[in-house]
Each structure stands twice: as structure tokens, then as C-alpha cells.
N, C-alpha and C. Protein backbone atom coordinates (compact mmCIF):
# COMPACT_ATOMS: atom_id res chain seq x y z
N MET A 1 10.47 30.95 59.71
CA MET A 1 11.02 30.48 58.46
C MET A 1 12.43 31.02 58.29
N CYS A 2 13.17 30.33 57.49
CA CYS A 2 14.56 30.68 57.26
C CYS A 2 14.69 31.97 56.46
N LYS A 3 15.58 32.84 56.88
CA LYS A 3 15.88 34.06 56.12
C LYS A 3 17.24 33.85 55.49
N CYS A 4 17.25 33.38 54.26
CA CYS A 4 18.49 33.03 53.57
C CYS A 4 18.95 34.18 52.67
N GLU A 5 20.25 34.33 52.54
CA GLU A 5 20.82 35.30 51.62
C GLU A 5 21.04 34.62 50.28
N TYR A 6 20.58 35.22 49.20
CA TYR A 6 20.79 34.66 47.88
C TYR A 6 20.59 35.75 46.85
N ASN A 7 21.07 35.50 45.65
CA ASN A 7 20.90 36.46 44.55
C ASN A 7 19.48 36.36 44.03
N LYS A 8 18.78 37.47 43.98
CA LYS A 8 17.41 37.48 43.47
C LYS A 8 17.44 37.74 41.97
N ILE A 9 16.52 37.11 41.26
CA ILE A 9 16.36 37.38 39.83
C ILE A 9 15.07 38.17 39.66
N ASP A 10 14.89 38.76 38.49
CA ASP A 10 13.65 39.48 38.23
C ASP A 10 12.50 38.48 38.16
N VAL A 11 11.45 38.78 38.88
CA VAL A 11 10.27 37.92 38.89
C VAL A 11 9.16 38.65 38.18
N ILE A 12 8.60 37.99 37.16
CA ILE A 12 7.58 38.61 36.34
C ILE A 12 6.25 38.69 37.08
N GLU A 13 5.85 37.58 37.70
CA GLU A 13 4.54 37.52 38.35
C GLU A 13 4.65 38.02 39.79
N VAL A 14 3.76 38.90 40.18
CA VAL A 14 3.75 39.43 41.54
C VAL A 14 2.57 38.80 42.28
N ILE A 15 2.87 38.19 43.41
CA ILE A 15 1.84 37.54 44.21
C ILE A 15 1.53 38.43 45.41
N GLN A 16 0.27 38.70 45.65
CA GLN A 16 -0.13 39.52 46.79
C GLN A 16 -0.02 38.67 48.06
N GLU A 17 0.14 39.34 49.16
CA GLU A 17 0.30 38.67 50.46
C GLU A 17 -0.86 37.71 50.75
N THR A 18 -2.07 38.08 50.37
CA THR A 18 -3.23 37.24 50.65
C THR A 18 -3.25 35.97 49.81
N ASP A 19 -2.48 35.93 48.74
CA ASP A 19 -2.46 34.76 47.87
C ASP A 19 -1.44 33.71 48.31
N LYS A 20 -0.62 34.00 49.31
CA LYS A 20 0.43 33.08 49.73
C LYS A 20 -0.16 31.89 50.47
N ILE A 21 0.50 30.75 50.35
CA ILE A 21 0.10 29.54 51.04
C ILE A 21 0.59 29.64 52.48
N LYS A 22 -0.32 29.49 53.43
CA LYS A 22 0.04 29.56 54.85
C LYS A 22 0.45 28.17 55.32
N VAL A 23 1.68 28.05 55.81
CA VAL A 23 2.22 26.75 56.18
C VAL A 23 2.73 26.75 57.61
N ASP A 24 2.73 25.55 58.22
CA ASP A 24 3.38 25.39 59.52
C ASP A 24 4.64 24.54 59.40
N LYS A 25 4.92 24.07 58.19
CA LYS A 25 6.16 23.34 57.90
C LYS A 25 6.60 23.69 56.49
N LEU A 26 7.87 24.04 56.34
CA LEU A 26 8.41 24.38 55.02
C LEU A 26 9.90 24.07 55.02
N CYS A 27 10.31 23.10 54.20
CA CYS A 27 11.70 22.66 54.15
C CYS A 27 12.17 22.58 52.70
N ILE A 28 13.46 22.79 52.50
CA ILE A 28 14.06 22.56 51.19
C ILE A 28 14.68 21.17 51.22
N VAL A 29 14.32 20.35 50.24
CA VAL A 29 14.82 18.99 50.13
C VAL A 29 15.72 18.92 48.91
N ALA A 30 16.88 18.27 49.03
CA ALA A 30 17.79 18.08 47.91
C ALA A 30 17.92 16.60 47.62
N ASN A 31 17.60 16.20 46.40
CA ASN A 31 17.76 14.82 45.96
C ASN A 31 18.83 14.78 44.88
N ILE A 32 19.69 13.78 44.91
CA ILE A 32 20.70 13.62 43.87
C ILE A 32 20.10 12.80 42.74
N THR A 33 20.18 13.32 41.53
CA THR A 33 19.59 12.66 40.36
C THR A 33 20.60 11.73 39.70
N ASN A 34 20.16 11.06 38.64
CA ASN A 34 21.04 10.17 37.87
C ASN A 34 22.23 10.92 37.28
N GLN A 35 22.07 12.21 37.02
CA GLN A 35 23.15 13.02 36.48
C GLN A 35 24.09 13.50 37.58
N LYS A 36 23.88 12.98 38.82
CA LYS A 36 24.68 13.36 39.99
C LYS A 36 24.62 14.85 40.29
N LYS A 37 23.45 15.43 39.98
CA LYS A 37 23.19 16.84 40.27
C LYS A 37 22.08 16.91 41.31
N PRO A 38 22.16 17.87 42.23
CA PRO A 38 21.06 18.01 43.20
C PRO A 38 19.83 18.63 42.54
N TYR A 39 18.68 18.09 42.89
CA TYR A 39 17.39 18.63 42.46
C TYR A 39 16.69 19.09 43.73
N TYR A 40 16.40 20.38 43.81
CA TYR A 40 15.84 20.99 45.02
C TYR A 40 14.33 21.12 44.90
N SER A 41 13.64 20.81 46.00
CA SER A 41 12.18 20.92 46.05
C SER A 41 11.78 21.48 47.41
N LEU A 42 10.55 21.97 47.48
CA LEU A 42 9.99 22.43 48.74
C LEU A 42 9.03 21.38 49.30
N LEU A 43 9.26 20.97 50.53
CA LEU A 43 8.36 20.08 51.25
C LEU A 43 7.59 20.97 52.21
N TYR A 44 6.24 20.95 52.11
CA TYR A 44 5.46 21.86 52.94
C TYR A 44 4.16 21.22 53.41
N ARG A 45 3.64 21.75 54.52
CA ARG A 45 2.35 21.34 55.06
C ARG A 45 1.55 22.60 55.36
N GLU A 46 0.38 22.68 54.78
CA GLU A 46 -0.49 23.83 55.03
C GLU A 46 -1.04 23.78 56.44
N ILE A 47 -1.26 24.95 57.02
CA ILE A 47 -1.81 25.03 58.37
C ILE A 47 -3.18 24.34 58.38
N GLY A 48 -3.37 23.47 59.38
CA GLY A 48 -4.63 22.75 59.53
C GLY A 48 -4.72 21.47 58.73
N SER A 49 -3.67 21.12 57.98
CA SER A 49 -3.67 19.91 57.17
C SER A 49 -2.75 18.87 57.80
N ASN A 50 -3.05 17.60 57.55
CA ASN A 50 -2.17 16.51 57.99
C ASN A 50 -1.30 16.01 56.85
N GLU A 51 -1.54 16.50 55.64
CA GLU A 51 -0.79 16.03 54.48
C GLU A 51 0.37 16.96 54.16
N GLU A 52 1.48 16.36 53.71
CA GLU A 52 2.64 17.12 53.27
C GLU A 52 2.73 17.03 51.75
N TYR A 53 3.22 18.09 51.14
CA TYR A 53 3.34 18.16 49.69
C TYR A 53 4.78 18.44 49.31
N LEU A 54 5.22 17.87 48.20
CA LEU A 54 6.55 18.10 47.66
C LEU A 54 6.37 18.72 46.29
N GLY A 55 6.89 19.93 46.10
CA GLY A 55 6.71 20.60 44.82
C GLY A 55 7.65 21.78 44.68
N TYR A 56 7.38 22.62 43.70
CA TYR A 56 8.19 23.81 43.43
C TYR A 56 9.66 23.42 43.31
N GLY A 57 9.97 22.49 42.41
CA GLY A 57 11.31 21.95 42.30
C GLY A 57 12.09 22.48 41.10
N SER A 58 13.43 22.48 41.25
CA SER A 58 14.32 22.93 40.20
C SER A 58 15.74 22.45 40.49
N TYR A 59 16.57 22.38 39.46
CA TYR A 59 18.00 22.14 39.64
C TYR A 59 18.69 23.40 40.13
N ASN A 60 18.03 24.53 40.04
CA ASN A 60 18.59 25.82 40.44
C ASN A 60 18.07 26.20 41.82
N LEU A 61 18.94 26.17 42.82
CA LEU A 61 18.53 26.48 44.19
C LEU A 61 18.00 27.91 44.32
N THR A 62 18.53 28.83 43.56
CA THR A 62 18.07 30.22 43.62
C THR A 62 16.58 30.31 43.29
N TYR A 63 16.12 29.58 42.27
CA TYR A 63 14.70 29.60 41.93
C TYR A 63 13.85 29.09 43.09
N VAL A 64 14.29 28.00 43.72
CA VAL A 64 13.53 27.41 44.82
C VAL A 64 13.45 28.39 46.00
N LEU A 65 14.54 29.08 46.29
CA LEU A 65 14.54 30.07 47.36
C LEU A 65 13.59 31.23 47.05
N ILE A 66 13.56 31.64 45.80
CA ILE A 66 12.65 32.72 45.39
C ILE A 66 11.20 32.26 45.52
N TRP A 67 10.90 31.05 45.06
CA TRP A 67 9.54 30.52 45.17
C TRP A 67 9.12 30.39 46.64
N LYS A 68 10.06 30.01 47.50
CA LYS A 68 9.78 29.89 48.93
C LYS A 68 9.31 31.23 49.49
N GLU A 69 9.99 32.29 49.15
CA GLU A 69 9.63 33.62 49.63
C GLU A 69 8.37 34.15 48.93
N GLN A 70 8.21 33.82 47.67
CA GLN A 70 7.12 34.38 46.86
C GLN A 70 5.77 33.73 47.15
N TYR A 71 5.75 32.43 47.39
CA TYR A 71 4.48 31.71 47.47
C TYR A 71 4.07 31.25 48.86
N PHE A 72 4.95 31.36 49.86
CA PHE A 72 4.64 30.81 51.19
C PHE A 72 4.81 31.85 52.28
N GLU A 73 4.02 31.67 53.35
CA GLU A 73 4.22 32.45 54.58
C GLU A 73 4.01 31.56 55.77
């Protein structure tokens, strides 16, 4: 997985390592909205699954990067 440098914000909820979603695919997708602003989401596939999911989205890339590290392995 990508090790990106970014500014971290304080995160209230702490997720234990065992609670993370185990994935074999994890990408950040950027879509341009009607307001001509990028909306960032995580595209992921859990290990052993054939389905891909798009979620954990925000206009703020920093939040998406934090969620990527916090919820996935």
C-alpha cells in the first residue's frame, strides 16, 4: 500500500488492528463534481471477494488518507 506524506488531524475513534478491513486492492479515486471540485473516495476489494466497493469519500483528501490508514490493511 502507498505510504503517503500528509498532515494528520486528531482522530477521536481508535480502531484496533484486528478491526481493519483486509484488502488486496485499495485505490484513491478523484471525481470532479458539478462545483468543479474533486471528490475523493476509496475504491477497495476485500481479500477473497470478487466485488469492489467505493466509499469513505470526502472533498478533503486529508480525511480520505487518514481513513485509508485507519480502516484498511
